[in-house]
PDB file of N, CA and C in Angstrom:
ATOM      1  N   UNK A   1       0.675  -1.252  -0.101  1.00  0.00           N
ATOM      2  CA  UNK A   1      -0.021   0.236  -0.457  1.00  0.00           C
ATOM      3  C   UNK A   1       1.245   1.579  -0.595  1.00  0.00           C
ATOM      4  N   UNK A   2       0.498   2.423  -1.076  1.00  0.00           N
ATOM      5  CA  UNK A   2       0.889   3.436  -1.173  1.00  0.00           C
ATOM      6  C   UNK A   2       0.817   4.725   0.267  1.00  0.00           C
ATOM      7  N   UNK A   3       1.763   5.532   0.380  1.00  0.00           N
ATOM      8  CA  UNK A   3       1.518   6.660   1.517  1.00  0.00           C
ATOM      9  C   UNK A   3      -0.051   7.437   0.720  1.00  0.00           C
ATOM     10  N   UNK A   4      -0.177   7.520  -0.298  1.00  0.00           N
ATOM     11  CA  UNK A   4      -0.864   8.789  -0.993  1.00  0.00           C
ATOM     12  C   UNK A   4      -2.267   8.273  -0.273  1.00  0.00           C
ATOM     13  N   UNK A   5      -3.134   9.377  -0.621  1.00  0.00           N
ATOM     14  CA  UNK A   5      -4.155   9.323  -0.199  1.00  0.00           C
ATOM     15  C   UNK A   5      -5.168   8.601  -0.813  1.00  0.00           C
ATOM     16  N   UNK A   6      -4.845   8.166  -2.616  1.00  0.00           N
ATOM     17  CA  UNK A   6      -5.173   8.196  -3.266  1.00  0.00           C
ATOM     18  C   UNK A   6      -4.340   6.041  -3.679  1.00  0.00           C
ATOM     19  N   UNK A   7      -6.077   5.481  -3.861  1.00  0.00           N
ATOM     20  CA  UNK A   7      -4.599   4.152  -3.876  1.00  0.00           C
ATOM     21  C   UNK A   7      -4.305   3.804  -5.723  1.00  0.00           C
ATOM     22  N   UNK A   8      -5.285   4.176  -6.249  1.00  0.00           N
ATOM     23  CA  UNK A   8      -5.540   4.113  -7.470  1.00  0.00           C
ATOM     24  C   UNK A   8      -4.010   5.310  -7.962  1.00  0.00           C
ATOM     25  N   UNK A   9      -3.514   4.498  -8.762  1.00  0.00           N
ATOM     26  CA  UNK A   9      -1.736   5.496  -9.152  1.00  0.00           C
ATOM     27  C   UNK A   9      -2.786   6.278 -11.239  1.00  0.00           C
ATOM     28  N   UNK A  10      -2.633   7.226 -10.559  1.00  0.00           N
ATOM     29  CA  UNK A  10      -2.962   8.661 -12.172  1.00  0.00           C
ATOM     30  C   UNK A  10      -1.730   8.783 -12.558  1.00  0.00           C
ATOM     31  N   UNK A  11      -2.038   8.277 -13.780  1.00  0.00           N
ATOM     32  CA  UNK A  11      -1.190   8.451 -14.586  1.00  0.00           C
ATOM     33  C   UNK A  11      -0.937  10.749 -15.283  1.00  0.00           C
ATOM     34  N   UNK A  12       0.733  10.872 -15.118  1.00  0.00           N
ATOM     35  CA  UNK A  12       0.631  12.198 -15.482  1.00  0.00           C
ATOM     36  C   UNK A  12       1.070  12.192 -16.869  1.00  0.00           C
ATOM     37  N   UNK A  13       0.024  13.025 -17.558  1.00  0.00           N
ATOM     38  CA  UNK A  13      -0.270  13.501 -19.129  1.00  0.00           C
ATOM     39  C   UNK A  13       0.039  14.521 -19.283  1.00  0.00           C
ATOM     40  N   UNK A  14      -0.108  15.710 -18.456  1.00  0.00           N
ATOM     41  CA  UNK A  14       0.440  17.022 -18.987  1.00  0.00           C
ATOM     42  C   UNK A  14       1.612  17.427 -18.212  1.00  0.00           C
ATOM     43  N   UNK A  15       2.226  17.975 -19.028  1.00  0.00           N
ATOM     44  CA  UNK A  15       4.406  18.689 -18.632  1.00  0.00           C
ATOM     45  C   UNK A  15       4.056  19.779 -18.268  1.00  0.00           C
ATOM     46  N   UNK A  16       4.825  20.706 -17.402  1.00  0.00           N
ATOM     47  CA  UNK A  16       4.846  21.808 -16.936  1.00  0.00           C
ATOM     48  C   UNK A  16       6.837  21.715 -17.203  1.00  0.00           C
ATOM     49  N   UNK A  17       6.807  22.978 -17.924  1.00  0.00           N
ATOM     50  CA  UNK A  17       8.606  23.144 -17.738  1.00  0.00           C
ATOM     51  C   UNK A  17       8.842  24.636 -16.847  1.00  0.00           C
ATOM     52  N   UNK A  18       9.665  24.758 -16.561  1.00  0.00           N
ATOM     53  CA  UNK A  18       9.911  25.815 -15.255  1.00  0.00           C
ATOM     54  C   UNK A  18      11.603  25.883 -16.267  1.00  0.00           C
ATOM     55  N   UNK A  19      11.796  27.646 -16.575  1.00  0.00           N
ATOM     56  CA  UNK A  19      13.497  27.921 -16.495  1.00  0.00           C
ATOM     57  C   UNK A  19      13.475  28.317 -15.018  1.00  0.00           C
ATOM     58  N   UNK A  20      14.950  27.941 -14.252  1.00  0.00           N
ATOM     59  CA  UNK A  20      15.682  28.769 -13.086  1.00  0.00           C
ATOM     60  C   UNK A  20      16.315  29.729 -13.209  1.00  0.00           C
ATOM     61  N   UNK A  21      16.923  30.364 -12.945  1.00  0.00           N
ATOM     62  CA  UNK A  21      17.971  31.279 -12.734  1.00  0.00           C
ATOM     63  C   UNK A  21      19.486  30.876 -12.202  1.00  0.00           C
ATOM     64  N   UNK A  22      20.391  31.280 -12.185  1.00  0.00           N
ATOM     65  CA  UNK A  22      21.865  30.646 -11.996  1.00  0.00           C
ATOM     66  C   UNK A  22      21.898  30.000 -10.153  1.00  0.00           C
ATOM     67  N   UNK A  23      21.431  31.311  -9.958  1.00  0.00           N
ATOM     68  CA  UNK A  23      21.429  31.389  -8.326  1.00  0.00           C
ATOM     69  C   UNK A  23      20.048  30.415  -7.790  1.00  0.00           C
ATOM     70  N   UNK A  24      19.326  30.234  -8.610  1.00  0.00           N
ATOM     71  CA  UNK A  24      18.071  29.047  -7.909  1.00  0.00           C
ATOM     72  C   UNK A  24      18.380  27.567  -8.465  1.00  0.00           C
ATOM     73  N   UNK A  25      18.771  27.955  -9.459  1.00  0.00           N
ATOM     74  CA  UNK A  25      19.346  26.351 -10.030  1.00  0.00           C
ATOM     75  C   UNK A  25      20.597  25.804  -9.059  1.00  0.00           C
ATOM     76  N   UNK A  26      21.341  26.346  -8.510  1.00  0.00           N
ATOM     77  CA  UNK A  26      22.481  26.616  -6.976  1.00  0.00           C
ATOM     78  C   UNK A  26      21.917  25.991  -6.178  1.00  0.00           C
ATOM     79  N   UNK A  27      20.982  26.895  -5.329  1.00  0.00           N
ATOM     80  CA  UNK A  27      20.593  26.194  -4.231  1.00  0.00           C
ATOM     81  C   UNK A  27      19.679  25.296  -4.633  1.00  0.00           C
ATOM     82  N   UNK A  28      19.047  24.325  -5.380  1.00  0.00           N
ATOM     83  CA  UNK A  28      17.516  23.238  -6.060  1.00  0.00           C
ATOM     84  C   UNK A  28      19.184  22.133  -5.762  1.00  0.00           C
ATOM     85  N   UNK A  29      20.517  22.749  -6.310  1.00  0.00           N
ATOM     86  CA  UNK A  29      21.228  21.538  -6.600  1.00  0.00           C
ATOM     87  C   UNK A  29      22.381  21.382  -4.967  1.00  0.00           C
ATOM     88  N   UNK A  30      22.725  22.815  -4.166  1.00  0.00           N
ATOM     89  CA  UNK A  30      22.662  22.175  -3.090  1.00  0.00           C
ATOM     90  C   UNK A  30      21.653  21.527  -2.192  1.00  0.00           C
ATOM     91  N   UNK A  31      20.312  21.585  -2.519  1.00  0.00           N
ATOM     92  CA  UNK A  31      19.352  21.296  -1.768  1.00  0.00           C
ATOM     93  C   UNK A  31      19.482  19.417  -1.927  1.00  0.00           C
ATOM     94  N   UNK A  32      19.478  19.945  -2.743  1.00  0.00           N
ATOM     95  CA  UNK A  32      19.526  17.923  -3.502  1.00  0.00           C
ATOM     96  C   UNK A  32      20.377  17.551  -2.960  1.00  0.00           C
ATOM     97  N   UNK A  33      21.608  17.529  -3.371  1.00  0.00           N
ATOM     98  CA  UNK A  33      22.731  17.524  -2.506  1.00  0.00           C
ATOM     99  C   UNK A  33      22.670  16.829  -1.037  1.00  0.00           C
ATOM    100  N   UNK A  34      22.537  18.117  -0.472  1.00  0.00           N
ATOM    101  CA  UNK A  34      22.254  18.163   0.998  1.00  0.00           C
ATOM    102  C   UNK A  34      21.181  16.862   1.410  1.00  0.00           C
ATOM    103  N   UNK A  35      20.442  17.068   1.297  1.00  0.00           N
ATOM    104  CA  UNK A  35      18.929  16.122   1.373  1.00  0.00           C
ATOM    105  C   UNK A  35      18.867  14.970   0.848  1.00  0.00           C
ATOM    106  N   UNK A  36      20.038  14.318  -0.088  1.00  0.00           N
ATOM    107  CA  UNK A  36      20.494  13.529  -1.150  1.00  0.00           C
ATOM    108  C   UNK A  36      18.658  13.035  -1.578  1.00  0.00           C
ATOM    109  N   UNK A  37      18.216  14.163  -2.411  1.00  0.00           N
ATOM    110  CA  UNK A  37      17.095  13.954  -3.214  1.00  0.00           C
ATOM    111  C   UNK A  37      17.524  13.253  -4.471  1.00  0.00           C
ATOM    112  N   UNK A  38      17.233  12.165  -4.852  1.00  0.00           N
ATOM    113  CA  UNK A  38      17.024  11.838  -6.241  1.00  0.00           C
ATOM    114  C   UNK A  38      16.766  11.817  -7.681  1.00  0.00           C
ATOM    115  N   UNK A  39      15.199  12.542  -6.973  1.00  0.00           N
ATOM    116  CA  UNK A  39      14.174  12.283  -7.949  1.00  0.00           C
ATOM    117  C   UNK A  39      13.805  14.068  -7.757  1.00  0.00           C
ATOM    118  N   UNK A  40      14.056  14.949  -8.749  1.00  0.00           N
ATOM    119  CA  UNK A  40      14.105  16.191  -8.131  1.00  0.00           C
ATOM    120  C   UNK A  40      12.904  16.429  -9.248  1.00  0.00           C
ATOM    121  N   UNK A  41      12.147  16.132 -10.458  1.00  0.00           N
ATOM    122  CA  UNK A  41      10.207  16.157 -10.321  1.00  0.00           C
ATOM    123  C   UNK A  41       9.446  15.960  -9.053  1.00  0.00           C
ATOM    124  N   UNK A  42       9.761  14.646  -8.679  1.00  0.00           N
ATOM    125  CA  UNK A  42       8.900  14.603  -7.566  1.00  0.00           C
ATOM    126  C   UNK A  42       8.754  15.662  -6.146  1.00  0.00           C
ATOM    127  N   UNK A  43      10.445  15.880  -6.203  1.00  0.00           N
ATOM    128  CA  UNK A  43      10.318  17.087  -4.954  1.00  0.00           C
ATOM    129  C   UNK A  43       9.991  18.668  -5.346  1.00  0.00           C
ATOM    130  N   UNK A  44       9.856  19.039  -6.245  1.00  0.00           N
ATOM    131  CA  UNK A  44       8.937  19.716  -7.241  1.00  0.00           C
ATOM    132  C   UNK A  44       7.780  19.547  -7.401  1.00  0.00           C
ATOM    133  N   UNK A  45       7.257  18.529  -7.212  1.00  0.00           N
ATOM    134  CA  UNK A  45       5.947  18.682  -7.597  1.00  0.00           C
ATOM    135  C   UNK A  45       5.498  18.524  -6.166  1.00  0.00           C
ATOM    136  N   UNK A  46       5.978  17.863  -5.222  1.00  0.00           N
ATOM    137  CA  UNK A  46       5.544  17.512  -3.856  1.00  0.00           C
ATOM    138  C   UNK A  46       5.204  19.183  -3.274  1.00  0.00           C
ATOM    139  N   UNK A  47       6.305  19.483  -3.562  1.00  0.00           N
ATOM    140  CA  UNK A  47       6.367  21.327  -3.118  1.00  0.00           C
ATOM    141  C   UNK A  47       5.264  21.850  -3.556  1.00  0.00           C
ATOM    142  N   UNK A  48       5.408  22.163  -4.751  1.00  0.00           N
ATOM    143  CA  UNK A  48       4.162  22.564  -5.735  1.00  0.00           C
ATOM    144  C   UNK A  48       3.060  22.532  -5.158  1.00  0.00           C
ATOM    145  N   UNK A  49       2.697  21.177  -5.345  1.00  0.00           N
ATOM    146  CA  UNK A  49       1.433  20.828  -4.635  1.00  0.00           C
ATOM    147  C   UNK A  49       1.376  21.018  -3.253  1.00  0.00           C
ATOM    148  N   UNK A  50       2.093  21.076  -2.371  1.00  0.00           N
ATOM    149  CA  UNK A  50       1.877  21.526  -0.917  1.00  0.00           C
ATOM    150  C   UNK A  50       1.672  22.475  -0.784  1.00  0.00           C
ATOM    151  N   UNK A  51       2.257  23.755  -1.530  1.00  0.00           N
ATOM    152  CA  UNK A  51       1.898  24.723  -1.394  1.00  0.00           C
ATOM    153  C   UNK A  51       0.461  25.765  -1.826  1.00  0.00           C
ATOM    154  N   UNK A  52       0.226  24.873  -3.591  1.00  0.00           N
ATOM    155  CA  UNK A  52      -1.039  25.039  -3.940  1.00  0.00           C
ATOM    156  C   UNK A  52      -2.301  24.843  -2.782  1.00  0.00           C
ATOM    157  N   UNK A  53      -2.341  23.386  -2.213  1.00  0.00           N
ATOM    158  CA  UNK A  53      -3.110  22.668  -1.231  1.00  0.00           C
ATOM    159  C   UNK A  53      -3.106  24.160   0.133  1.00  0.00           C
ATOM    160  N   UNK A  54      -2.235  24.257   0.956  1.00  0.00           N
ATOM    161  CA  UNK A  54      -2.110  25.029   1.414  1.00  0.00           C
ATOM    162  C   UNK A  54      -2.576  26.212   1.719  1.00  0.00           C
ATOM    163  N   UNK A  55      -2.803  26.891   0.236  1.00  0.00           N
ATOM    164  CA  UNK A  55      -3.341  28.167   0.018  1.00  0.00           C
ATOM    165  C   UNK A  55      -4.782  28.086  -0.394  1.00  0.00           C
ATOM    166  N   UNK A  56      -5.493  26.956  -1.131  1.00  0.00           N
ATOM    167  CA  UNK A  56      -6.308  26.410  -1.041  1.00  0.00           C
ATOM    168  C   UNK A  56      -7.047  26.451   0.359  1.00  0.00           C
ATOM    169  N   UNK A  57      -6.598  25.958   1.215  1.00  0.00           N
ATOM    170  CA  UNK A  57      -7.043  25.828   2.854  1.00  0.00           C
ATOM    171  C   UNK A  57      -7.234  26.605   3.570  1.00  0.00           C
ATOM    172  N   UNK A  58      -6.505  27.552   3.136  1.00  0.00           N
ATOM    173  CA  UNK A  58      -6.479  28.916   3.896  1.00  0.00           C
ATOM    174  C   UNK A  58      -7.639  29.864   3.178  1.00  0.00           C
ATOM    175  N   UNK A  59      -7.491  30.118   1.967  1.00  0.00           N
ATOM    176  CA  UNK A  59      -8.414  30.418   0.997  1.00  0.00           C
ATOM    177  C   UNK A  59      -9.824  30.337   1.525  1.00  0.00           C
ATOM    178  N   UNK A  60      -9.979  29.198   1.849  1.00  0.00           N
ATOM    179  CA  UNK A  60     -11.638  28.174   2.209  1.00  0.00           C
ATOM    180  C   UNK A  60     -12.387  29.365   2.716  1.00  0.00           C
ATOM    181  N   UNK A  61     -13.343  29.892   3.059  1.00  0.00           N
ATOM    182  CA  UNK A  61     -14.293  30.672   3.756  1.00  0.00           C
ATOM    183  C   UNK A  61     -14.907  29.875   4.923  1.00  0.00           C
ATOM    184  N   UNK A  62     -14.943  30.240   6.143  1.00  0.00           N
ATOM    185  CA  UNK A  62     -15.235  29.973   7.518  1.00  0.00           C
ATOM    186  C   UNK A  62     -16.642  30.135   7.792  1.00  0.00           C
ATOM    187  N   UNK A  63     -17.506  29.918   8.469  1.00  0.00           N
ATOM    188  CA  UNK A  63     -18.040  30.120   9.438  1.00  0.00           C
ATOM    189  C   UNK A  63     -18.163  31.500   9.430  1.00  0.00           C
ATOM    190  N   UNK A  64     -17.285  32.048  10.264  1.00  0.00           N
ATOM    191  CA  UNK A  64     -17.252  33.337  10.631  1.00  0.00           C
ATOM    192  C   UNK A  64     -16.712  34.905   9.755  1.00  0.00           C
ATOM    193  N   UNK A  65     -16.498  34.268   8.532  1.00  0.00           N
ATOM    194  CA  UNK A  65     -15.423  35.219   7.173  1.00  0.00           C
ATOM    195  C   UNK A  65     -17.181  35.966   7.101  1.00  0.00           C
TER     196      UNK A  65
END
């Protein structure tokens, strides 16, 4: 069993490409080396989605808004 909330694996069919400047790339390289990240795509995807879901949660209207 996987750690994901969904037991079914969804295929990734949409490609997203980003560009980094030299200092951003150095920071990413340093982070990956320091924390022995072997899969940069997974790191970037997880970090991005965590940020997006956190923002959605924060923007959700509450009972007292």
